[in-house]
């Protein structure tokens, strides 16, 4: 059984998802069928991550945001 049982179809926002643990978590959740928003502070890194994901495998989107800046979250 997957550690993400029941996650399919759910919406998940992951901050810091352009590298490291955040990226690994985003990839795993996408494979399990969650709709994942890949959040980060660097648009070029977000674009690279989104481009690296396999087309047709899962649903995902990138979002420029900085959790230290409330306005960037509200605008996202």
PDB file of N, CA and C in Angstrom:
ATOM      1  N   UNK A   1       0.843  -1.184   0.000  1.00  0.00           N
ATOM      2  CA  UNK A   1       0.000   0.000   0.000  1.00  0.00           C
ATOM      3  C   UNK A   1       0.886   1.244   0.000  1.00  0.00           C
ATOM      4  N   UNK A   2       0.467   2.247  -0.734  1.00  0.00           N
ATOM      5  CA  UNK A   2       1.214   3.495  -0.832  1.00  0.00           C
ATOM      6  C   UNK A   2       1.078   4.311   0.445  1.00  0.00           C
ATOM      7  N   UNK A   3       2.138   5.029   0.785  1.00  0.00           N
ATOM      8  CA  UNK A   3       2.062   5.928   1.940  1.00  0.00           C
ATOM      9  C   UNK A   3       1.159   7.124   1.665  1.00  0.00           C
ATOM     10  N   UNK A   4       0.730   7.270   0.419  1.00  0.00           N
ATOM     11  CA  UNK A   4      -0.152   8.369   0.039  1.00  0.00           C
ATOM     12  C   UNK A   4      -1.555   7.882  -0.305  1.00  0.00           C
ATOM     13  N   UNK A   5      -1.973   6.787   0.282  1.00  0.00           N
ATOM     14  CA  UNK A   5      -3.304   6.241   0.000  1.00  0.00           C
ATOM     15  C   UNK A   5      -4.367   7.323   0.220  1.00  0.00           C
ATOM     16  N   UNK A   6      -5.276   7.447  -0.727  1.00  0.00           N
ATOM     17  CA  UNK A   6      -6.351   8.419  -0.613  1.00  0.00           C
ATOM     18  C   UNK A   6      -6.011   9.814  -1.102  1.00  0.00           C
ATOM     19  N   UNK A   7      -4.822  10.012  -1.619  1.00  0.00           N
ATOM     20  CA  UNK A   7      -4.403  11.350  -2.062  1.00  0.00           C
ATOM     21  C   UNK A   7      -4.877  11.667  -3.476  1.00  0.00           C
ATOM     22  N   UNK A   8      -5.192  10.648  -4.263  1.00  0.00           N
ATOM     23  CA  UNK A   8      -5.611  10.865  -5.656  1.00  0.00           C
ATOM     24  C   UNK A   8      -6.787  11.831  -5.709  1.00  0.00           C
ATOM     25  N   UNK A   9      -6.668  12.820  -6.602  1.00  0.00           N
ATOM     26  CA  UNK A   9      -7.717  13.801  -6.794  1.00  0.00           C
ATOM     27  C   UNK A   9      -7.676  14.976  -5.825  1.00  0.00           C
ATOM     28  N   UNK A  10      -6.848  14.918  -4.834  1.00  0.00           N
ATOM     29  CA  UNK A  10      -6.743  16.017  -3.867  1.00  0.00           C
ATOM     30  C   UNK A  10      -5.802  17.089  -4.393  1.00  0.00           C
ATOM     31  N   UNK A  11      -5.987  18.293  -3.905  1.00  0.00           N
ATOM     32  CA  UNK A  11      -5.129  19.416  -4.277  1.00  0.00           C
ATOM     33  C   UNK A  11      -4.099  19.634  -3.183  1.00  0.00           C
ATOM     34  N   UNK A  12      -2.844  19.763  -3.603  1.00  0.00           N
ATOM     35  CA  UNK A  12      -1.743  19.906  -2.656  1.00  0.00           C
ATOM     36  C   UNK A  12      -0.847  21.044  -3.117  1.00  0.00           C
ATOM     37  N   UNK A  13      -0.513  21.946  -2.200  1.00  0.00           N
ATOM     38  CA  UNK A  13       0.442  23.021  -2.477  1.00  0.00           C
ATOM     39  C   UNK A  13       1.713  22.689  -1.722  1.00  0.00           C
ATOM     40  N   UNK A  14       2.821  22.626  -2.448  1.00  0.00           N
ATOM     41  CA  UNK A  14       4.105  22.353  -1.812  1.00  0.00           C
ATOM     42  C   UNK A  14       5.013  23.548  -2.056  1.00  0.00           C
ATOM     43  N   UNK A  15       5.440  24.169  -0.960  1.00  0.00           N
ATOM     44  CA  UNK A  15       6.391  25.263  -1.067  1.00  0.00           C
ATOM     45  C   UNK A  15       7.796  24.677  -1.086  1.00  0.00           C
ATOM     46  N   UNK A  16       8.705  25.374  -1.716  1.00  0.00           N
ATOM     47  CA  UNK A  16      10.070  24.872  -1.826  1.00  0.00           C
ATOM     48  C   UNK A  16      10.147  23.630  -2.695  1.00  0.00           C
ATOM     49  N   UNK A  17       9.268  23.545  -3.677  1.00  0.00           N
ATOM     50  CA  UNK A  17       9.156  22.330  -4.496  1.00  0.00           C
ATOM     51  C   UNK A  17      10.070  22.326  -5.712  1.00  0.00           C
ATOM     52  N   UNK A  18      11.016  23.255  -5.782  1.00  0.00           N
ATOM     53  CA  UNK A  18      11.901  23.288  -6.947  1.00  0.00           C
ATOM     54  C   UNK A  18      13.189  22.508  -6.727  1.00  0.00           C
ATOM     55  N   UNK A  19      13.379  21.968  -5.530  1.00  0.00           N
ATOM     56  CA  UNK A  19      14.579  21.169  -5.271  1.00  0.00           C
ATOM     57  C   UNK A  19      14.395  20.348  -3.994  1.00  0.00           C
ATOM     58  N   UNK A  20      15.317  19.440  -3.792  1.00  0.00           N
ATOM     59  CA  UNK A  20      15.389  18.691  -2.548  1.00  0.00           C
ATOM     60  C   UNK A  20      14.136  17.927  -2.176  1.00  0.00           C
ATOM     61  N   UNK A  21      13.827  17.950  -0.888  1.00  0.00           N
ATOM     62  CA  UNK A  21      12.681  17.206  -0.372  1.00  0.00           C
ATOM     63  C   UNK A  21      11.357  17.690  -0.943  1.00  0.00           C
ATOM     64  N   UNK A  22      11.225  18.992  -1.139  1.00  0.00           N
ATOM     65  CA  UNK A  22       9.986  19.524  -1.709  1.00  0.00           C
ATOM     66  C   UNK A  22       9.728  18.978  -3.098  1.00  0.00           C
ATOM     67  N   UNK A  23      10.764  18.923  -3.915  1.00  0.00           N
ATOM     68  CA  UNK A  23      10.646  18.383  -5.270  1.00  0.00           C
ATOM     69  C   UNK A  23      10.317  16.895  -5.225  1.00  0.00           C
ATOM     70  N   UNK A  24      11.000  16.140  -4.376  1.00  0.00           N
ATOM     71  CA  UNK A  24      10.743  14.702  -4.263  1.00  0.00           C
ATOM     72  C   UNK A  24       9.297  14.442  -3.831  1.00  0.00           C
ATOM     73  N   UNK A  25       8.807  15.224  -2.889  1.00  0.00           N
ATOM     74  CA  UNK A  25       7.426  15.075  -2.432  1.00  0.00           C
ATOM     75  C   UNK A  25       6.453  15.418  -3.552  1.00  0.00           C
ATOM     76  N   UNK A  26       6.704  16.485  -4.280  1.00  0.00           N
ATOM     77  CA  UNK A  26       5.824  16.867  -5.391  1.00  0.00           C
ATOM     78  C   UNK A  26       5.761  15.761  -6.434  1.00  0.00           C
ATOM     79  N   UNK A  27       6.913  15.210  -6.796  1.00  0.00           N
ATOM     80  CA  UNK A  27       6.951  14.142  -7.794  1.00  0.00           C
ATOM     81  C   UNK A  27       6.183  12.909  -7.321  1.00  0.00           C
ATOM     82  N   UNK A  28       6.353  12.537  -6.070  1.00  0.00           N
ATOM     83  CA  UNK A  28       5.656  11.363  -5.532  1.00  0.00           C
ATOM     84  C   UNK A  28       4.148  11.578  -5.512  1.00  0.00           C
ATOM     85  N   UNK A  29       3.711  12.757  -5.095  1.00  0.00           N
ATOM     86  CA  UNK A  29       2.279  13.040  -5.033  1.00  0.00           C
ATOM     87  C   UNK A  29       1.652  13.099  -6.425  1.00  0.00           C
ATOM     88  N   UNK A  30       2.377  13.633  -7.390  1.00  0.00           N
ATOM     89  CA  UNK A  30       1.886  13.667  -8.768  1.00  0.00           C
ATOM     90  C   UNK A  30       1.697  12.238  -9.276  1.00  0.00           C
ATOM     91  N   UNK A  31       2.676  11.379  -9.022  1.00  0.00           N
ATOM     92  CA  UNK A  31       2.564   9.970  -9.446  1.00  0.00           C
ATOM     93  C   UNK A  31       1.356   9.287  -8.816  1.00  0.00           C
ATOM     94  N   UNK A  32       0.981   9.699  -7.617  1.00  0.00           N
ATOM     95  CA  UNK A  32      -0.149   9.087  -6.911  1.00  0.00           C
ATOM     96  C   UNK A  32      -1.493   9.703  -7.288  1.00  0.00           C
ATOM     97  N   UNK A  33      -1.476  10.694  -8.182  1.00  0.00           N
ATOM     98  CA  UNK A  33      -2.725  11.242  -8.699  1.00  0.00           C
ATOM     99  C   UNK A  33      -3.220  12.515  -8.051  1.00  0.00           C
ATOM    100  N   UNK A  34      -2.422  13.137  -7.201  1.00  0.00           N
ATOM    101  CA  UNK A  34      -2.819  14.418  -6.613  1.00  0.00           C
ATOM    102  C   UNK A  34      -2.603  15.531  -7.629  1.00  0.00           C
ATOM    103  N   UNK A  35      -3.361  16.612  -7.499  1.00  0.00           N
ATOM    104  CA  UNK A  35      -3.124  17.826  -8.283  1.00  0.00           C
ATOM    105  C   UNK A  35      -2.161  18.663  -7.455  1.00  0.00           C
ATOM    106  N   UNK A  36      -0.942  18.852  -7.924  1.00  0.00           N
ATOM    107  CA  UNK A  36       0.108  19.484  -7.141  1.00  0.00           C
ATOM    108  C   UNK A  36       0.452  20.858  -7.692  1.00  0.00           C
ATOM    109  N   UNK A  37       0.473  21.838  -6.797  1.00  0.00           N
ATOM    110  CA  UNK A  37       0.955  23.173  -7.131  1.00  0.00           C
ATOM    111  C   UNK A  37       2.385  23.256  -6.618  1.00  0.00           C
ATOM    112  N   UNK A  38       3.298  23.477  -7.540  1.00  0.00           N
ATOM    113  CA  UNK A  38       4.721  23.538  -7.244  1.00  0.00           C
ATOM    114  C   UNK A  38       5.070  24.993  -6.956  1.00  0.00           C
ATOM    115  N   UNK A  39       5.269  25.290  -5.674  1.00  0.00           N
ATOM    116  CA  UNK A  39       5.536  26.667  -5.260  1.00  0.00           C
ATOM    117  C   UNK A  39       7.017  26.914  -5.067  1.00  0.00           C
ATOM    118  N   UNK A  40       7.443  28.113  -5.427  1.00  0.00           N
ATOM    119  CA  UNK A  40       8.844  28.477  -5.248  1.00  0.00           C
ATOM    120  C   UNK A  40       9.058  29.957  -5.460  1.00  0.00           C
ATOM    121  N   UNK A  41      10.268  30.405  -5.142  1.00  0.00           N
ATOM    122  CA  UNK A  41      10.599  31.835  -5.242  1.00  0.00           C
ATOM    123  C   UNK A  41      11.273  32.214  -6.539  1.00  0.00           C
ATOM    124  N   UNK A  42      11.638  31.228  -7.358  1.00  0.00           N
ATOM    125  CA  UNK A  42      12.397  31.492  -8.581  1.00  0.00           C
ATOM    126  C   UNK A  42      11.622  30.932  -9.775  1.00  0.00           C
ATOM    127  N   UNK A  43      11.085  31.825 -10.588  1.00  0.00           N
ATOM    128  CA  UNK A  43      10.242  31.391 -11.709  1.00  0.00           C
ATOM    129  C   UNK A  43      10.990  30.488 -12.681  1.00  0.00           C
ATOM    130  N   UNK A  44      12.270  30.755 -12.909  1.00  0.00           N
ATOM    131  CA  UNK A  44      13.010  29.911 -13.851  1.00  0.00           C
ATOM    132  C   UNK A  44      13.143  28.486 -13.313  1.00  0.00           C
ATOM    133  N   UNK A  45      13.335  28.329 -12.017  1.00  0.00           N
ATOM    134  CA  UNK A  45      13.404  26.989 -11.429  1.00  0.00           C
ATOM    135  C   UNK A  45      12.040  26.297 -11.491  1.00  0.00           C
ATOM    136  N   UNK A  46      10.984  27.043 -11.239  1.00  0.00           N
ATOM    137  CA  UNK A  46       9.631  26.478 -11.340  1.00  0.00           C
ATOM    138  C   UNK A  46       9.400  25.984 -12.758  1.00  0.00           C
ATOM    139  N   UNK A  47       9.757  26.806 -13.729  1.00  0.00           N
ATOM    140  CA  UNK A  47       9.582  26.432 -15.135  1.00  0.00           C
ATOM    141  C   UNK A  47      10.389  25.174 -15.484  1.00  0.00           C
ATOM    142  N   UNK A  48      11.614  25.076 -14.955  1.00  0.00           N
ATOM    143  CA  UNK A  48      12.447  23.901 -15.212  1.00  0.00           C
ATOM    144  C   UNK A  48      11.807  22.640 -14.631  1.00  0.00           C
ATOM    145  N   UNK A  49      11.294  22.736 -13.419  1.00  0.00           N
ATOM    146  CA  UNK A  49      10.659  21.573 -12.784  1.00  0.00           C
ATOM    147  C   UNK A  49       9.435  21.147 -13.578  1.00  0.00           C
ATOM    148  N   UNK A  50       8.581  22.097 -13.911  1.00  0.00           N
ATOM    149  CA  UNK A  50       7.365  21.772 -14.666  1.00  0.00           C
ATOM    150  C   UNK A  50       7.729  21.138 -16.013  1.00  0.00           C
ATOM    151  N   UNK A  51       8.749  21.672 -16.683  1.00  0.00           N
ATOM    152  CA  UNK A  51       9.171  21.126 -17.975  1.00  0.00           C
ATOM    153  C   UNK A  51       9.770  19.724 -17.840  1.00  0.00           C
ATOM    154  N   UNK A  52      10.332  19.415 -16.686  1.00  0.00           N
ATOM    155  CA  UNK A  52      10.972  18.115 -16.492  1.00  0.00           C
ATOM    156  C   UNK A  52       9.979  16.998 -16.173  1.00  0.00           C
ATOM    157  N   UNK A  53       8.767  17.354 -15.793  1.00  0.00           N
ATOM    158  CA  UNK A  53       7.772  16.342 -15.447  1.00  0.00           C
ATOM    159  C   UNK A  53       7.213  15.705 -16.709  1.00  0.00           C
ATOM    160  N   UNK A  54       6.890  14.438 -16.613  1.00  0.00           N
ATOM    161  CA  UNK A  54       6.403  13.702 -17.776  1.00  0.00           C
ATOM    162  C   UNK A  54       5.012  14.190 -18.169  1.00  0.00           C
ATOM    163  N   UNK A  55       4.840  14.593 -19.423  1.00  0.00           N
ATOM    164  CA  UNK A  55       3.517  15.012 -19.884  1.00  0.00           C
ATOM    165  C   UNK A  55       2.521  13.854 -19.762  1.00  0.00           C
ATOM    166  N   UNK A  56       1.311  14.177 -19.345  1.00  0.00           N
ATOM    167  CA  UNK A  56       0.263  13.170 -19.238  1.00  0.00           C
ATOM    168  C   UNK A  56       0.316  12.347 -17.970  1.00  0.00           C
ATOM    169  N   UNK A  57       1.330  12.564 -17.141  1.00  0.00           N
ATOM    170  CA  UNK A  57       1.416  11.848 -15.867  1.00  0.00           C
ATOM    171  C   UNK A  57       1.073  12.829 -14.758  1.00  0.00           C
ATOM    172  N   UNK A  58      -0.137  12.754 -14.271  1.00  0.00           N
ATOM    173  CA  UNK A  58      -0.561  13.614 -13.182  1.00  0.00           C
ATOM    174  C   UNK A  58      -0.950  15.006 -13.627  1.00  0.00           C
ATOM    175  N   UNK A  59      -1.411  15.748 -12.647  1.00  0.00           N
ATOM    176  CA  UNK A  59      -1.797  17.138 -12.879  1.00  0.00           C
ATOM    177  C   UNK A  59      -0.970  18.010 -11.959  1.00  0.00           C
ATOM    178  N   UNK A  60      -0.457  19.096 -12.510  1.00  0.00           N
ATOM    179  CA  UNK A  60       0.407  19.969 -11.741  1.00  0.00           C
ATOM    180  C   UNK A  60       0.459  21.349 -12.375  1.00  0.00           C
ATOM    181  N   UNK A  61       0.877  22.297 -11.586  1.00  0.00           N
ATOM    182  CA  UNK A  61       1.066  23.669 -12.057  1.00  0.00           C
ATOM    183  C   UNK A  61       2.155  24.302 -11.200  1.00  0.00           C
ATOM    184  N   UNK A  62       2.803  25.310 -11.739  1.00  0.00           N
ATOM    185  CA  UNK A  62       3.810  26.050 -11.005  1.00  0.00           C
ATOM    186  C   UNK A  62       3.252  27.370 -10.530  1.00  0.00           C
ATOM    187  N   UNK A  63       3.733  27.834  -9.374  1.00  0.00           N
ATOM    188  CA  UNK A  63       3.249  29.098  -8.827  1.00  0.00           C
ATOM    189  C   UNK A  63       4.397  29.829  -8.143  1.00  0.00           C
ATOM    190  N   UNK A  64       4.661  31.039  -8.605  1.00  0.00           N
ATOM    191  CA  UNK A  64       5.680  31.877  -7.992  1.00  0.00           C
ATOM    192  C   UNK A  64       5.135  32.392  -6.671  1.00  0.00           C
ATOM    193  N   UNK A  65       5.856  32.104  -5.590  1.00  0.00           N
ATOM    194  CA  UNK A  65       5.414  32.580  -4.277  1.00  0.00           C
ATOM    195  C   UNK A  65       6.571  32.552  -3.293  1.00  0.00           C
ATOM    196  N   UNK A  66       6.473  33.410  -2.306  1.00  0.00           N
ATOM    197  CA  UNK A  66       7.446  33.446  -1.227  1.00  0.00           C
ATOM    198  C   UNK A  66       6.647  33.471   0.068  1.00  0.00           C
ATOM    199  N   UNK A  67       6.707  32.408   0.853  1.00  0.00           N
ATOM    200  CA  UNK A  67       5.889  32.326   2.065  1.00  0.00           C
ATOM    201  C   UNK A  67       6.279  33.375   3.101  1.00  0.00           C
ATOM    202  N   UNK A  68       7.416  34.019   2.908  1.00  0.00           N
ATOM    203  CA  UNK A  68       7.808  35.100   3.807  1.00  0.00           C
ATOM    204  C   UNK A  68       7.116  36.423   3.459  1.00  0.00           C
ATOM    205  N   UNK A  69       6.452  36.461   2.310  1.00  0.00           N
ATOM    206  CA  UNK A  69       5.798  37.671   1.812  1.00  0.00           C
ATOM    207  C   UNK A  69       4.314  37.406   1.627  1.00  0.00           C
ATOM    208  N   UNK A  70       3.493  37.868   2.549  1.00  0.00           N
ATOM    209  CA  UNK A  70       2.062  37.593   2.512  1.00  0.00           C
ATOM    210  C   UNK A  70       1.425  38.051   1.196  1.00  0.00           C
ATOM    211  N   UNK A  71       1.882  39.169   0.665  1.00  0.00           N
ATOM    212  CA  UNK A  71       1.314  39.679  -0.579  1.00  0.00           C
ATOM    213  C   UNK A  71       1.550  38.720  -1.759  1.00  0.00           C
ATOM    214  N   UNK A  72       2.707  38.080  -1.789  1.00  0.00           N
ATOM    215  CA  UNK A  72       2.983  37.150  -2.893  1.00  0.00           C
ATOM    216  C   UNK A  72       2.060  35.936  -2.822  1.00  0.00           C
ATOM    217  N   UNK A  73       1.642  35.561  -1.633  1.00  0.00           N
ATOM    218  CA  UNK A  73       0.722  34.433  -1.479  1.00  0.00           C
ATOM    219  C   UNK A  73      -0.673  34.850  -1.920  1.00  0.00           C
ATOM    220  N   UNK A  74      -1.101  36.023  -1.507  1.00  0.00           N
ATOM    221  CA  UNK A  74      -2.448  36.502  -1.873  1.00  0.00           C
ATOM    222  C   UNK A  74      -2.571  36.736  -3.373  1.00  0.00           C
ATOM    223  N   UNK A  75      -1.494  37.186  -4.003  1.00  0.00           N
ATOM    224  CA  UNK A  75      -1.525  37.451  -5.442  1.00  0.00           C
ATOM    225  C   UNK A  75      -1.496  36.162  -6.257  1.00  0.00           C
ATOM    226  N   UNK A  76      -0.959  35.076  -5.677  1.00  0.00           N
ATOM    227  CA  UNK A  76      -0.826  33.806  -6.365  1.00  0.00           C
ATOM    228  C   UNK A  76      -2.156  33.156  -6.547  1.00  0.00           C
TER     229      UNK A  76
END
